[in-house]
Amino acid sequence: MISMGVGQIQKNISILTTLTEAIRIVDKRRNKTVAIVYPASSSTSILSLAGKYKNRVEGVSDLTVAKESAMIEAMGEKYGLSH
């Protein structure tokens, strides 16, 4: 896996359009991994949510379904709505 800084991505955004393997984006000031980016043309489904709702919504292969499930969870938590 290739490691790149955030500044390198900002200077040359075409890196993301020509991905052939996964890259790790690193914040060099804090020495922390910010993101891992996979090529869109990969044959396996790698879609999963990160952060606060990653344990509440199972991994899915369709982004719209994942977004909708996460939004329902967020609205339920914020406004006390049941679903």
N, C-alpha and C. Protein backbone atom coordinates (compact mmCIF):
# COMPACT_ATOMS: atom_id res chain seq x y z
N MET A 1 0.85 -1.17 0.00
CA MET A 1 0.00 0.00 0.00
C MET A 1 0.90 1.23 0.00
N ILE A 2 0.59 2.17 -0.86
CA ILE A 2 1.36 3.40 -0.99
C ILE A 2 0.86 4.41 0.04
N SER A 3 1.76 5.13 0.68
CA SER A 3 1.40 6.21 1.60
C SER A 3 1.67 7.55 0.94
N MET A 4 0.70 8.46 1.06
CA MET A 4 0.83 9.80 0.49
C MET A 4 0.34 10.82 1.50
N GLY A 5 0.90 12.00 1.43
CA GLY A 5 0.46 13.10 2.29
C GLY A 5 -0.75 13.79 1.71
N VAL A 6 -1.47 14.50 2.57
CA VAL A 6 -2.65 15.24 2.14
C VAL A 6 -2.25 16.30 1.12
N GLY A 7 -1.12 16.96 1.33
CA GLY A 7 -0.64 17.99 0.42
C GLY A 7 -0.35 17.45 -0.97
N GLN A 8 0.18 16.25 -1.04
CA GLN A 8 0.46 15.64 -2.34
C GLN A 8 -0.83 15.41 -3.13
N ILE A 9 -1.87 15.00 -2.44
CA ILE A 9 -3.17 14.78 -3.09
C ILE A 9 -3.74 16.12 -3.55
N GLN A 10 -3.61 17.16 -2.72
CA GLN A 10 -4.14 18.47 -3.09
C GLN A 10 -3.42 19.05 -4.30
N LYS A 11 -2.12 18.84 -4.39
CA LYS A 11 -1.35 19.37 -5.51
C LYS A 11 -1.62 18.62 -6.81
N ASN A 12 -1.89 17.32 -6.71
CA ASN A 12 -2.07 16.51 -7.91
C ASN A 12 -3.26 15.58 -7.72
N ILE A 13 -4.45 16.10 -7.93
CA ILE A 13 -5.68 15.35 -7.70
C ILE A 13 -5.85 14.22 -8.71
N SER A 14 -5.13 14.27 -9.83
CA SER A 14 -5.25 13.22 -10.83
C SER A 14 -4.74 11.88 -10.32
N ILE A 15 -4.04 11.89 -9.21
CA ILE A 15 -3.60 10.64 -8.58
C ILE A 15 -4.80 9.76 -8.28
N LEU A 16 -5.88 10.38 -7.83
CA LEU A 16 -7.07 9.61 -7.46
C LEU A 16 -7.79 9.02 -8.67
N THR A 17 -7.68 9.66 -9.82
CA THR A 17 -8.37 9.14 -10.99
C THR A 17 -7.62 8.02 -11.68
N THR A 18 -6.34 7.87 -11.35
CA THR A 18 -5.54 6.83 -12.00
C THR A 18 -5.08 5.76 -11.02
N LEU A 19 -5.84 5.54 -9.98
CA LEU A 19 -5.47 4.54 -8.96
C LEU A 19 -5.46 3.13 -9.53
N THR A 20 -4.44 2.39 -9.20
CA THR A 20 -4.41 0.97 -9.57
C THR A 20 -4.30 0.10 -8.33
N GLU A 21 -3.91 0.69 -7.20
CA GLU A 21 -3.85 -0.03 -5.94
C GLU A 21 -4.25 0.91 -4.82
N ALA A 22 -4.50 0.38 -3.66
CA ALA A 22 -4.94 1.18 -2.53
C ALA A 22 -3.82 2.11 -2.06
N ILE A 23 -4.22 3.32 -1.63
CA ILE A 23 -3.25 4.25 -1.06
C ILE A 23 -3.72 4.69 0.32
N ARG A 24 -2.77 4.97 1.18
CA ARG A 24 -3.05 5.46 2.52
C ARG A 24 -2.73 6.95 2.53
N ILE A 25 -3.70 7.79 2.92
CA ILE A 25 -3.47 9.22 3.01
C ILE A 25 -3.13 9.54 4.45
N VAL A 26 -1.97 10.19 4.64
CA VAL A 26 -1.41 10.41 5.97
C VAL A 26 -1.30 11.90 6.25
N ASP A 27 -1.68 12.31 7.45
CA ASP A 27 -1.44 13.67 7.93
C ASP A 27 -0.03 13.67 8.51
N LYS A 28 0.88 14.30 7.82
CA LYS A 28 2.29 14.21 8.21
C LYS A 28 2.62 15.01 9.47
N ARG A 29 1.83 16.02 9.80
CA ARG A 29 2.08 16.78 11.03
C ARG A 29 1.79 15.94 12.27
N ARG A 30 0.67 15.23 12.24
CA ARG A 30 0.27 14.41 13.39
C ARG A 30 0.73 12.97 13.26
N ASN A 31 1.25 12.61 12.09
CA ASN A 31 1.70 11.25 11.80
C ASN A 31 0.58 10.23 12.02
N LYS A 32 -0.61 10.56 11.47
CA LYS A 32 -1.78 9.70 11.59
C LYS A 32 -2.36 9.42 10.21
N THR A 33 -2.91 8.24 10.06
CA THR A 33 -3.61 7.89 8.83
C THR A 33 -4.96 8.58 8.82
N VAL A 34 -5.23 9.32 7.75
CA VAL A 34 -6.49 10.04 7.61
C VAL A 34 -7.52 9.20 6.88
N ALA A 35 -7.07 8.52 5.81
CA ALA A 35 -8.00 7.73 4.99
C ALA A 35 -7.23 6.67 4.24
N ILE A 36 -7.95 5.64 3.85
CA ILE A 36 -7.43 4.64 2.94
C ILE A 36 -8.35 4.65 1.72
N VAL A 37 -7.76 4.86 0.56
CA VAL A 37 -8.53 5.00 -0.68
C VAL A 37 -8.26 3.79 -1.56
N TYR A 38 -9.35 3.17 -2.02
CA TYR A 38 -9.26 2.01 -2.89
C TYR A 38 -9.69 2.41 -4.29
N PRO A 39 -9.17 1.78 -5.31
CA PRO A 39 -9.61 2.08 -6.68
C PRO A 39 -11.08 1.71 -6.87
N ALA A 40 -11.79 2.51 -7.63
CA ALA A 40 -13.21 2.26 -7.86
C ALA A 40 -13.45 1.04 -8.73
N SER A 41 -12.48 0.65 -9.49
CA SER A 41 -12.66 -0.47 -10.40
C SER A 41 -12.31 -1.82 -9.77
N SER A 42 -12.12 -1.84 -8.45
CA SER A 42 -11.80 -3.12 -7.82
C SER A 42 -13.00 -4.05 -7.90
N SER A 43 -12.76 -5.32 -8.05
CA SER A 43 -13.84 -6.28 -8.27
C SER A 43 -14.58 -6.66 -6.98
N THR A 44 -13.97 -6.45 -5.84
CA THR A 44 -14.62 -6.81 -4.58
C THR A 44 -15.32 -5.62 -3.99
N SER A 45 -16.39 -5.86 -3.28
CA SER A 45 -17.13 -4.79 -2.60
C SER A 45 -16.46 -4.51 -1.26
N ILE A 46 -16.04 -3.29 -1.07
CA ILE A 46 -15.33 -2.92 0.15
C ILE A 46 -16.06 -1.85 0.92
N LEU A 47 -17.31 -1.58 0.53
CA LEU A 47 -18.05 -0.48 1.11
C LEU A 47 -18.47 -0.79 2.53
N SER A 48 -18.09 0.07 3.45
CA SER A 48 -18.56 -0.02 4.82
C SER A 48 -18.51 1.36 5.43
N LEU A 49 -19.32 1.59 6.42
CA LEU A 49 -19.35 2.89 7.07
C LEU A 49 -18.27 2.97 8.13
N ALA A 50 -17.80 4.18 8.38
CA ALA A 50 -16.80 4.39 9.40
C ALA A 50 -17.36 5.34 10.45
N GLY A 51 -16.68 5.43 11.55
CA GLY A 51 -17.04 6.41 12.56
C GLY A 51 -18.13 5.94 13.50
N LYS A 52 -18.97 6.88 13.86
CA LYS A 52 -19.95 6.70 14.91
C LYS A 52 -20.95 5.57 14.64
N TYR A 53 -21.34 5.36 13.39
CA TYR A 53 -22.40 4.42 13.07
C TYR A 53 -21.89 3.12 12.48
N LYS A 54 -20.57 2.88 12.52
CA LYS A 54 -20.05 1.69 11.86
C LYS A 54 -20.52 0.39 12.50
N ASN A 55 -20.85 0.39 13.79
CA ASN A 55 -21.31 -0.82 14.44
C ASN A 55 -22.83 -0.97 14.38
N ARG A 56 -23.52 0.06 13.94
CA ARG A 56 -24.98 0.00 13.90
C ARG A 56 -25.53 -0.44 12.55
N VAL A 57 -24.77 -0.24 11.50
CA VAL A 57 -25.22 -0.58 10.15
C VAL A 57 -24.24 -1.58 9.57
N GLU A 58 -24.76 -2.69 9.09
CA GLU A 58 -23.88 -3.72 8.53
C GLU A 58 -23.33 -3.25 7.19
N GLY A 59 -22.21 -3.80 6.79
CA GLY A 59 -21.59 -3.46 5.51
C GLY A 59 -22.51 -3.82 4.36
N VAL A 60 -22.61 -2.94 3.39
CA VAL A 60 -23.48 -3.17 2.24
C VAL A 60 -22.71 -2.94 0.96
N SER A 61 -23.26 -3.40 -0.14
CA SER A 61 -22.59 -3.20 -1.42
C SER A 61 -23.15 -2.01 -2.19
N ASP A 62 -24.21 -1.39 -1.68
CA ASP A 62 -24.82 -0.24 -2.36
C ASP A 62 -24.71 0.99 -1.47
N LEU A 63 -24.09 2.04 -1.97
CA LEU A 63 -23.85 3.24 -1.18
C LEU A 63 -25.13 3.94 -0.79
N THR A 64 -26.14 3.96 -1.64
CA THR A 64 -27.38 4.65 -1.31
C THR A 64 -28.09 3.97 -0.14
N VAL A 65 -28.04 2.66 -0.07
CA VAL A 65 -28.65 1.94 1.05
C VAL A 65 -27.90 2.26 2.34
N ALA A 66 -26.59 2.31 2.28
CA ALA A 66 -25.78 2.61 3.46
C ALA A 66 -26.05 4.03 3.96
N LYS A 67 -26.14 4.98 3.03
CA LYS A 67 -26.42 6.37 3.42
C LYS A 67 -27.80 6.50 4.06
N GLU A 68 -28.77 5.82 3.48
CA GLU A 68 -30.13 5.88 4.00
C GLU A 68 -30.21 5.29 5.40
N SER A 69 -29.57 4.16 5.62
CA SER A 69 -29.57 3.53 6.94
C SER A 69 -28.88 4.41 7.97
N ALA A 70 -27.76 5.02 7.57
CA ALA A 70 -27.05 5.90 8.49
C ALA A 70 -27.87 7.14 8.82
N MET A 71 -28.58 7.69 7.84
CA MET A 71 -29.42 8.87 8.07
C MET A 71 -30.57 8.53 9.01
N ILE A 72 -31.17 7.37 8.86
CA ILE A 72 -32.26 6.96 9.75
C ILE A 72 -31.74 6.86 11.19
N GLU A 73 -30.57 6.26 11.36
CA GLU A 73 -29.97 6.15 12.70
C GLU A 73 -29.67 7.53 13.28
N ALA A 74 -29.13 8.43 12.47
CA ALA A 74 -28.77 9.76 12.94
C ALA A 74 -30.01 10.56 13.33
N MET A 75 -31.05 10.49 12.52
CA MET A 75 -32.28 11.23 12.82
C MET A 75 -32.96 10.66 14.06
N GLY A 76 -32.91 9.34 14.20
CA GLY A 76 -33.49 8.72 15.38
C GLY A 76 -32.78 9.15 16.65
N GLU A 77 -31.47 9.26 16.58
CA GLU A 77 -30.70 9.68 17.74
C GLU A 77 -30.91 11.16 18.05
N LYS A 78 -30.94 11.98 17.00
CA LYS A 78 -31.05 13.43 17.19
C LYS A 78 -32.45 13.86 17.64
N TYR A 79 -33.48 13.32 16.99
CA TYR A 79 -34.84 13.76 17.25
C TYR A 79 -35.69 12.75 18.03
N GLY A 80 -35.13 11.63 18.38
CA GLY A 80 -35.84 10.62 19.13
C GLY A 80 -36.92 9.90 18.33
N LEU A 81 -36.72 9.82 17.04
CA LEU A 81 -37.69 9.15 16.18
C LEU A 81 -37.46 7.64 16.19
N SER A 82 -38.53 6.90 16.15
CA SER A 82 -38.38 5.45 16.04
C SER A 82 -38.58 5.06 14.60
N HIS A 83 -37.96 3.96 14.19
CA HIS A 83 -38.09 3.53 12.79
C HIS A 83 -38.51 2.14 12.74
